[in-house]
Amino acid sequence: KGSLLTLRTEEAGTVIVTSTLQPVAGMTVPIPVRPEKIRISSEAASTDLANALRGEIIDVNYLGDLSAYQVRLPSGAVIRVTAANLVRSGTGFFQPGQRVSLSFSPDACIVLDR
């Protein structure tokens, strides 16, 4: 399955991933995370997940049973996050300009070996 690796990124800072890759110092690898694997919250990032980021909602798309959020990180990078719409009204939805916490597990990351 792989081991835990701590990788430094320009966009998101330090990220902990599960991978079979044996990285070399200075190596560049993409680390995609599926949008539905990222937990979004208006509270502090979840402490039960290894990776925690802060950002600002810049766009929201309501897609029936889920919402897709574009979140800008302090680095300027934009991450797409999807979350199930658990309530019918507009309460509970995040709005553009709102600061949010993002968190995800190491297993949610896919380290691609170019």
Protein backbone atom coordinates (compact mmCIF):
# COMPACT_ATOMS: atom_id res chain seq x y z
CA LYS A 1 0.00 0.00 0.00
CA GLY A 2 2.89 2.35 0.65
CA SER A 3 4.35 4.36 3.46
CA LEU A 4 3.75 7.85 4.79
CA LEU A 5 5.87 10.52 3.13
CA THR A 6 6.11 14.19 4.07
CA LEU A 7 6.44 16.34 0.95
CA ARG A 8 6.99 20.08 0.64
CA THR A 9 4.89 21.85 -1.98
CA GLU A 10 4.96 25.40 -3.31
CA GLU A 11 1.17 25.62 -3.40
CA ALA A 12 0.06 23.96 -0.17
CA GLY A 13 3.10 23.84 2.10
CA THR A 14 3.86 20.50 3.74
CA VAL A 15 1.60 17.61 2.71
CA ILE A 16 1.65 14.08 4.13
CA VAL A 17 0.86 11.37 1.56
CA THR A 18 0.75 7.60 1.32
CA SER A 19 2.92 6.40 -1.54
CA THR A 20 5.17 3.63 -2.81
CA LEU A 21 7.32 6.26 -4.54
CA GLN A 22 10.86 6.69 -3.25
CA PRO A 23 11.38 10.45 -3.63
CA VAL A 24 14.75 12.09 -4.20
CA ALA A 25 15.53 15.59 -2.85
CA GLY A 26 14.49 18.20 -5.41
CA MET A 27 12.21 15.77 -7.24
CA THR A 28 8.99 17.28 -8.62
CA VAL A 29 5.83 15.16 -8.59
CA PRO A 30 2.16 16.09 -9.01
CA ILE A 31 -0.02 15.30 -5.98
CA PRO A 32 -3.69 15.43 -7.01
CA VAL A 33 -6.42 15.04 -4.41
CA ARG A 34 -9.95 14.16 -5.52
CA PRO A 35 -12.35 17.05 -4.72
CA GLU A 36 -14.75 14.80 -2.81
CA LYS A 37 -11.93 13.56 -0.54
CA ILE A 38 -11.34 17.03 0.92
CA ARG A 39 -13.32 18.00 4.02
CA ILE A 40 -14.41 21.67 4.08
CA SER A 41 -15.38 23.55 7.22
CA SER A 42 -15.83 27.06 8.55
CA GLU A 43 -14.18 25.83 11.78
CA ALA A 44 -10.53 24.99 12.32
CA ALA A 45 -9.29 22.14 10.14
CA SER A 46 -10.04 18.64 11.37
CA THR A 47 -7.38 17.34 13.73
CA ASP A 48 -8.16 13.72 12.85
CA LEU A 49 -6.78 14.19 9.33
CA ALA A 50 -3.07 14.71 8.64
CA ASN A 51 -3.34 17.54 6.13
CA ALA A 52 -4.89 20.91 6.96
CA LEU A 53 -5.07 24.04 4.81
CA ARG A 54 -6.79 27.42 5.03
CA GLY A 55 -8.25 29.31 2.11
CA GLU A 56 -10.96 31.59 0.80
CA ILE A 57 -13.98 30.58 -1.27
CA ILE A 58 -13.78 32.33 -4.65
CA ASP A 59 -16.56 30.51 -6.51
CA VAL A 60 -19.49 28.20 -5.77
CA ASN A 61 -21.45 25.99 -8.15
CA TYR A 62 -24.60 24.27 -6.91
CA LEU A 63 -24.99 20.93 -8.68
CA GLY A 64 -28.17 19.52 -7.18
CA ASP A 65 -27.02 17.02 -4.57
CA LEU A 66 -23.59 18.60 -4.16
CA SER A 67 -21.77 21.91 -4.31
CA ALA A 68 -18.42 22.53 -5.98
CA TYR A 69 -16.22 25.15 -4.36
CA GLN A 70 -13.13 26.88 -5.73
CA VAL A 71 -10.86 27.72 -2.77
CA ARG A 72 -7.84 30.01 -3.12
CA LEU A 73 -4.93 29.17 -0.83
CA PRO A 74 -2.59 31.86 0.54
CA SER A 75 -0.08 30.83 -2.18
CA GLY A 76 -2.63 31.80 -4.85
CA ALA A 77 -3.21 28.18 -5.89
CA VAL A 78 -6.86 27.19 -6.33
CA ILE A 79 -8.25 23.88 -5.07
CA ARG A 80 -11.59 22.40 -6.12
CA VAL A 81 -13.65 20.86 -3.31
CA THR A 82 -17.01 19.14 -3.59
CA ALA A 83 -19.38 18.57 -0.70
CA ALA A 84 -22.79 16.94 -0.40
CA ASN A 85 -25.70 19.35 0.08
CA LEU A 86 -27.21 17.93 3.26
CA VAL A 87 -29.80 20.68 3.76
CA ARG A 88 -32.36 22.06 1.33
CA SER A 89 -32.12 25.75 2.13
CA GLY A 90 -29.22 28.13 1.58
CA THR A 91 -28.09 27.75 5.17
CA GLY A 92 -25.03 25.59 5.53
CA PHE A 93 -23.59 26.59 2.17
CA PHE A 94 -20.28 28.43 1.96
CA GLN A 95 -20.21 31.78 0.17
CA PRO A 96 -17.57 33.57 -1.94
CA GLY A 97 -15.23 35.56 0.29
CA GLN A 98 -15.70 33.17 3.23
CA ARG A 99 -12.57 31.80 4.92
CA VAL A 100 -12.61 28.00 5.25
CA SER A 101 -10.48 25.13 6.48
CA LEU A 102 -9.69 22.16 4.26
CA SER A 103 -8.46 18.81 5.50
CA PHE A 104 -7.72 15.45 3.91
CA SER A 105 -6.03 12.17 4.77
CA PRO A 106 -2.71 10.96 3.33
CA ASP A 107 -4.63 8.19 1.52
CA ALA A 108 -6.63 10.83 -0.39
CA CYS A 109 -3.45 11.96 -2.17
CA ILE A 110 -2.30 10.33 -5.38
CA VAL A 111 1.43 10.80 -5.94
CA LEU A 112 2.09 10.58 -9.68
CA ASP A 113 5.49 9.44 -10.85
CA ARG A 114 6.13 11.35 -14.06
